[in-house]
Amino acid sequence: MAPAEFGQRGRPQTEGTDGEDEDGGAGRVHVPIEDKVAIASEVAGRLFALLGGTPPRVEARAEDDQVVVALGEVDAALCPPGDNRVLESVQFILNKAINRTSLQRTRLSLDAEGFRRRRPEGLDKVAAALAAKVAELGVPIAIGPLPQGDLRFLGSQLQRASGLTVQ
């Protein structure tokens, strides 16, 4: 077997190829979602071990067409309340790890301490408070930026509960 040579962007290529396939991805193959779940679980465990502190319980699963990595209680020394930079970085690295050699990209969501499940409950409370404030003041009010999905959910809750609209 001949040693690998490096082609475009420093990626290894096999003898007789130009480093690119017809889909434009050098060395990319089909990776089943079950394998991506295993990769996400292993890499998350290693990352948290390297970060120190008490590593959270890591449980990865396939949900629809995405990989969800659920974390148990996250050590406050690792991720202080209100500071999500560590979790955002872990999610970024996990996303890169599961999609690195795959022809088809798979979305990855990181769920710390059941946040994804509790989020709609929190938005219900925000919608009720906003509706009360608008009714009290009688004028439109502005809210800070929200992710698109949260904004749609909040808008539908406000419309359903009080007839208000989000613009």
Foldseek 3Di string as FASTA:
>chain_A
DDDFDAAPPRDTADPPDRQQDPLGHGQADADDVVVLQVQLQVLLVVVQVVLDDDAWDWHWDDDDQAIEIETAADDCVSAPPPRCPNVVVSLVVSQCRSPVRHSDRHHYHYHYNNCVVCVLVVLLVVLVVLLVVCVVVVDDDDDDDDPPVSQVSSQVSNCVPPNDGDD
